[in-house]
Amino acid sequence: MSQDPFKIDRKAFSVVSLEEQEKEEKSYWWDKTPYERLQALETTRQIIYGYTSVTERLQRVYEVVKRSSSQIFVDRWLCIKVPRLCSGNSRN
């Protein structure tokens, strides 16, 4: 029979100093594989923010901005005067 990973053993209890607790906690997490640490992080995220199918992927938000001709003129002028501001910028 496998144990539930989210069940708390309420019989395990000890009182230690803050420094000792920090050492034990650091040691505990360093003994885990990177994958196990990421799993724990994801579990914590789901507990805090809730689990929905939307949270399985990154959200992308697009905003269409109407620019006036004067803004476009200023952008082009800046690109001529300070080219490094526009390197790789194809909006102009």
N, C-alpha and C. Protein backbone atom coordinates (compact mmCIF):
# COMPACT_ATOMS: atom_id res chain seq x y z
N MET A 1 0.84 -1.17 0.00
CA MET A 1 0.00 0.00 0.00
C MET A 1 0.89 1.25 0.00
N SER A 2 0.71 2.15 -0.97
CA SER A 2 1.53 3.35 -1.04
C SER A 2 0.92 4.45 -0.18
N GLN A 3 1.80 5.26 0.39
CA GLN A 3 1.33 6.34 1.24
C GLN A 3 0.99 7.56 0.38
N ASP A 4 0.03 8.33 0.85
CA ASP A 4 -0.35 9.56 0.19
C ASP A 4 0.77 10.58 0.40
N PRO A 5 1.36 11.14 -0.69
CA PRO A 5 2.48 12.08 -0.51
C PRO A 5 2.07 13.39 0.15
N PHE A 6 0.77 13.69 0.22
CA PHE A 6 0.31 14.94 0.79
C PHE A 6 -0.20 14.79 2.23
N LYS A 7 -0.16 13.56 2.74
CA LYS A 7 -0.64 13.32 4.11
C LYS A 7 0.46 13.69 5.10
N ILE A 8 0.09 14.40 6.13
CA ILE A 8 1.04 14.85 7.15
C ILE A 8 1.05 13.84 8.30
N ASP A 9 2.25 13.43 8.70
CA ASP A 9 2.41 12.55 9.86
C ASP A 9 2.44 13.43 11.10
N ARG A 10 1.34 13.49 11.80
CA ARG A 10 1.22 14.38 12.95
C ARG A 10 1.92 13.84 14.19
N LYS A 11 2.44 12.63 14.13
CA LYS A 11 3.16 12.06 15.26
C LYS A 11 4.64 12.45 15.24
N ALA A 12 5.14 12.83 14.08
CA ALA A 12 6.54 13.25 13.95
C ALA A 12 6.64 14.72 14.32
N PHE A 13 7.34 14.97 15.42
CA PHE A 13 7.43 16.35 15.91
C PHE A 13 8.71 16.49 16.71
N SER A 14 9.46 17.56 16.47
CA SER A 14 10.66 17.83 17.27
C SER A 14 10.86 19.33 17.36
N VAL A 15 11.52 19.73 18.43
CA VAL A 15 11.82 21.14 18.66
C VAL A 15 13.32 21.32 18.49
N VAL A 16 13.69 22.20 17.55
CA VAL A 16 15.10 22.46 17.26
C VAL A 16 15.30 23.96 17.13
N SER A 17 16.57 24.38 17.15
CA SER A 17 16.86 25.80 16.97
C SER A 17 16.63 26.17 15.50
N LEU A 18 16.49 27.45 15.25
CA LEU A 18 16.25 27.93 13.90
C LEU A 18 17.43 27.59 12.99
N GLU A 19 18.65 27.73 13.49
CA GLU A 19 19.83 27.42 12.69
C GLU A 19 19.87 25.95 12.30
N GLU A 20 19.55 25.08 13.26
CA GLU A 20 19.55 23.64 13.00
C GLU A 20 18.45 23.28 11.99
N GLN A 21 17.31 23.91 12.14
CA GLN A 21 16.21 23.65 11.23
C GLN A 21 16.57 24.06 9.81
N GLU A 22 17.23 25.21 9.66
CA GLU A 22 17.64 25.67 8.33
C GLU A 22 18.64 24.71 7.69
N LYS A 23 19.59 24.20 8.49
CA LYS A 23 20.57 23.22 7.98
C LYS A 23 19.88 21.94 7.53
N GLU A 24 18.95 21.46 8.37
CA GLU A 24 18.23 20.22 8.03
C GLU A 24 17.39 20.40 6.77
N GLU A 25 16.74 21.55 6.66
CA GLU A 25 15.90 21.80 5.48
C GLU A 25 16.75 21.89 4.21
N LYS A 26 17.87 22.58 4.31
CA LYS A 26 18.75 22.69 3.15
C LYS A 26 19.29 21.31 2.74
N SER A 27 19.69 20.54 3.74
CA SER A 27 20.18 19.19 3.48
C SER A 27 19.10 18.32 2.84
N TYR A 28 17.87 18.44 3.34
CA TYR A 28 16.75 17.67 2.80
C TYR A 28 16.57 17.97 1.30
N TRP A 29 16.55 19.26 0.94
CA TRP A 29 16.29 19.61 -0.46
C TRP A 29 17.47 19.30 -1.36
N TRP A 30 18.70 19.40 -0.84
CA TRP A 30 19.86 19.06 -1.66
C TRP A 30 19.94 17.56 -1.92
N ASP A 31 19.35 16.75 -1.06
CA ASP A 31 19.31 15.30 -1.27
C ASP A 31 18.30 14.90 -2.35
N LYS A 32 17.39 15.79 -2.68
CA LYS A 32 16.39 15.52 -3.73
C LYS A 32 16.98 15.79 -5.10
N THR A 33 16.47 15.10 -6.10
CA THR A 33 16.91 15.36 -7.48
C THR A 33 16.29 16.67 -7.95
N PRO A 34 16.87 17.30 -8.98
CA PRO A 34 16.26 18.53 -9.51
C PRO A 34 14.80 18.31 -9.93
N TYR A 35 14.51 17.13 -10.48
CA TYR A 35 13.13 16.84 -10.89
C TYR A 35 12.19 16.80 -9.69
N GLU A 36 12.63 16.19 -8.59
CA GLU A 36 11.80 16.12 -7.38
C GLU A 36 11.58 17.53 -6.80
N ARG A 37 12.61 18.38 -6.87
CA ARG A 37 12.46 19.75 -6.38
C ARG A 37 11.46 20.53 -7.23
N LEU A 38 11.51 20.33 -8.56
CA LEU A 38 10.55 21.00 -9.43
C LEU A 38 9.13 20.49 -9.19
N GLN A 39 9.00 19.20 -8.94
CA GLN A 39 7.68 18.64 -8.62
C GLN A 39 7.12 19.28 -7.35
N ALA A 40 7.96 19.44 -6.34
CA ALA A 40 7.52 20.06 -5.08
C ALA A 40 7.14 21.52 -5.31
N LEU A 41 7.90 22.21 -6.14
CA LEU A 41 7.59 23.60 -6.46
C LEU A 41 6.26 23.71 -7.18
N GLU A 42 6.01 22.81 -8.14
CA GLU A 42 4.75 22.81 -8.87
C GLU A 42 3.58 22.48 -7.94
N THR A 43 3.77 21.56 -7.02
CA THR A 43 2.72 21.23 -6.06
C THR A 43 2.40 22.44 -5.20
N THR A 44 3.42 23.15 -4.75
CA THR A 44 3.22 24.35 -3.94
C THR A 44 2.48 25.41 -4.74
N ARG A 45 2.87 25.58 -6.00
CA ARG A 45 2.20 26.56 -6.87
C ARG A 45 0.72 26.22 -7.02
N GLN A 46 0.42 24.95 -7.22
CA GLN A 46 -0.97 24.53 -7.38
C GLN A 46 -1.77 24.74 -6.09
N ILE A 47 -1.14 24.52 -4.94
CA ILE A 47 -1.83 24.73 -3.67
C ILE A 47 -2.14 26.21 -3.49
N ILE A 48 -1.19 27.07 -3.81
CA ILE A 48 -1.37 28.51 -3.61
C ILE A 48 -2.33 29.10 -4.63
N TYR A 49 -2.13 28.81 -5.93
CA TYR A 49 -2.90 29.44 -6.99
C TYR A 49 -4.04 28.58 -7.52
N GLY A 50 -4.13 27.34 -7.09
CA GLY A 50 -5.18 26.46 -7.58
C GLY A 50 -4.75 25.79 -8.87
N TYR A 51 -5.37 24.67 -9.15
CA TYR A 51 -5.03 23.94 -10.36
C TYR A 51 -6.18 24.05 -11.34
N THR A 52 -5.87 24.55 -12.52
CA THR A 52 -6.82 24.56 -13.62
C THR A 52 -6.05 24.22 -14.88
N SER A 53 -6.76 23.82 -15.91
CA SER A 53 -6.08 23.49 -17.16
C SER A 53 -5.43 24.72 -17.79
N VAL A 54 -5.92 25.91 -17.43
CA VAL A 54 -5.33 27.15 -17.96
C VAL A 54 -3.92 27.35 -17.43
N THR A 55 -3.65 26.92 -16.19
CA THR A 55 -2.34 27.14 -15.59
C THR A 55 -1.29 26.17 -16.11
N GLU A 56 -1.68 25.24 -16.98
CA GLU A 56 -0.71 24.29 -17.51
C GLU A 56 0.25 24.93 -18.50
N ARG A 57 -0.09 26.07 -19.03
CA ARG A 57 0.78 26.72 -20.01
C ARG A 57 0.86 28.21 -19.71
N LEU A 58 1.83 28.85 -20.33
CA LEU A 58 2.00 30.29 -20.13
C LEU A 58 0.89 31.05 -20.83
N GLN A 59 0.47 32.12 -20.22
CA GLN A 59 -0.54 32.97 -20.83
C GLN A 59 0.15 33.99 -21.73
N ARG A 60 -0.46 34.24 -22.87
CA ARG A 60 0.05 35.25 -23.79
C ARG A 60 -1.00 36.33 -23.94
N VAL A 61 -0.59 37.54 -23.78
CA VAL A 61 -1.51 38.65 -23.90
C VAL A 61 -0.98 39.60 -24.96
N TYR A 62 -1.82 39.92 -25.93
CA TYR A 62 -1.46 40.85 -26.98
C TYR A 62 -2.29 42.11 -26.84
N GLU A 63 -1.66 43.22 -27.14
CA GLU A 63 -2.37 44.48 -27.08
C GLU A 63 -2.05 45.25 -28.36
N VAL A 64 -3.08 45.66 -29.06
CA VAL A 64 -2.91 46.44 -30.28
C VAL A 64 -2.95 47.90 -29.89
N VAL A 65 -1.91 48.64 -30.28
CA VAL A 65 -1.80 50.03 -29.90
C VAL A 65 -1.85 50.87 -31.17
N LYS A 66 -2.75 51.81 -31.20
CA LYS A 66 -2.85 52.74 -32.33
C LYS A 66 -1.87 53.88 -32.09
N ARG A 67 -0.90 54.01 -32.99
CA ARG A 67 0.12 55.06 -32.83
C ARG A 67 -0.16 56.19 -33.81
N SER A 68 0.05 57.40 -33.33
CA SER A 68 -0.16 58.55 -34.21
C SER A 68 1.04 58.70 -35.13
N SER A 69 0.87 59.46 -36.20
CA SER A 69 1.96 59.65 -37.16
C SER A 69 3.13 60.39 -36.51
N SER A 70 2.86 61.25 -35.52
CA SER A 70 3.95 61.96 -34.85
C SER A 70 4.80 60.99 -34.03
N GLN A 71 4.17 59.97 -33.42
CA GLN A 71 4.93 58.97 -32.68
C GLN A 71 5.83 58.17 -33.63
N ILE A 72 5.30 57.82 -34.78
CA ILE A 72 6.08 57.07 -35.77
C ILE A 72 7.26 57.92 -36.24
N PHE A 73 7.02 59.22 -36.48
CA PHE A 73 8.09 60.12 -36.91
C PHE A 73 9.20 60.18 -35.86
N VAL A 74 8.83 60.30 -34.58
CA VAL A 74 9.82 60.37 -33.49
C VAL A 74 10.60 59.07 -33.43
N ASP A 75 9.92 57.94 -33.58
CA ASP A 75 10.60 56.64 -33.55
C ASP A 75 11.63 56.55 -34.67
N ARG A 76 11.26 56.94 -35.86
CA ARG A 76 12.18 56.87 -37.00
C ARG A 76 13.34 57.84 -36.81
N TRP A 77 13.06 59.05 -36.27
CA TRP A 77 14.11 60.02 -36.03
C TRP A 77 15.12 59.45 -35.02
N LEU A 78 14.62 58.81 -33.96
CA LEU A 78 15.50 58.21 -32.97
C LEU A 78 16.35 57.10 -33.58
N CYS A 79 15.78 56.32 -34.47
CA CYS A 79 16.52 55.24 -35.12
C CYS A 79 17.66 55.78 -35.96
N ILE A 80 17.46 56.94 -36.56
CA ILE A 80 18.51 57.55 -37.37
C ILE A 80 19.60 58.12 -36.46
N LYS A 81 19.20 58.81 -35.40
CA LYS A 81 20.16 59.46 -34.50
C LYS A 81 20.84 58.48 -33.55
N VAL A 82 20.11 57.47 -33.07
CA VAL A 82 20.65 56.51 -32.10
C VAL A 82 20.29 55.10 -32.59
N PRO A 83 21.04 54.58 -33.58
CA PRO A 83 20.70 53.29 -34.20
C PRO A 83 20.62 52.12 -33.23
N ARG A 84 21.40 52.15 -32.13
CA ARG A 84 21.38 51.01 -31.21
C ARG A 84 20.02 50.83 -30.54
N LEU A 85 19.20 51.88 -30.48
CA LEU A 85 17.86 51.79 -29.92
C LEU A 85 16.93 50.96 -30.80
N CYS A 86 17.28 50.84 -32.08
CA CYS A 86 16.38 50.18 -33.03
C CYS A 86 16.96 48.90 -33.59
N SER A 87 18.08 48.42 -33.08
CA SER A 87 18.66 47.20 -33.62
C SER A 87 17.69 46.05 -33.43
N GLY A 88 17.35 45.41 -34.51
CA GLY A 88 16.42 44.28 -34.49
C GLY A 88 14.96 44.70 -34.35
N ASN A 89 14.68 45.97 -34.41
CA ASN A 89 13.30 46.45 -34.25
C ASN A 89 12.70 46.63 -35.64
N SER A 90 11.69 45.84 -35.98
CA SER A 90 11.09 45.92 -37.31
C SER A 90 9.74 46.63 -37.29
N ARG A 91 9.40 47.30 -36.20
CA ARG A 91 8.10 47.97 -36.11
C ARG A 91 8.09 49.25 -36.93
N ASN A 92 9.25 49.87 -37.19
CA ASN A 92 9.28 51.19 -37.83
C ASN A 92 9.28 51.07 -39.33
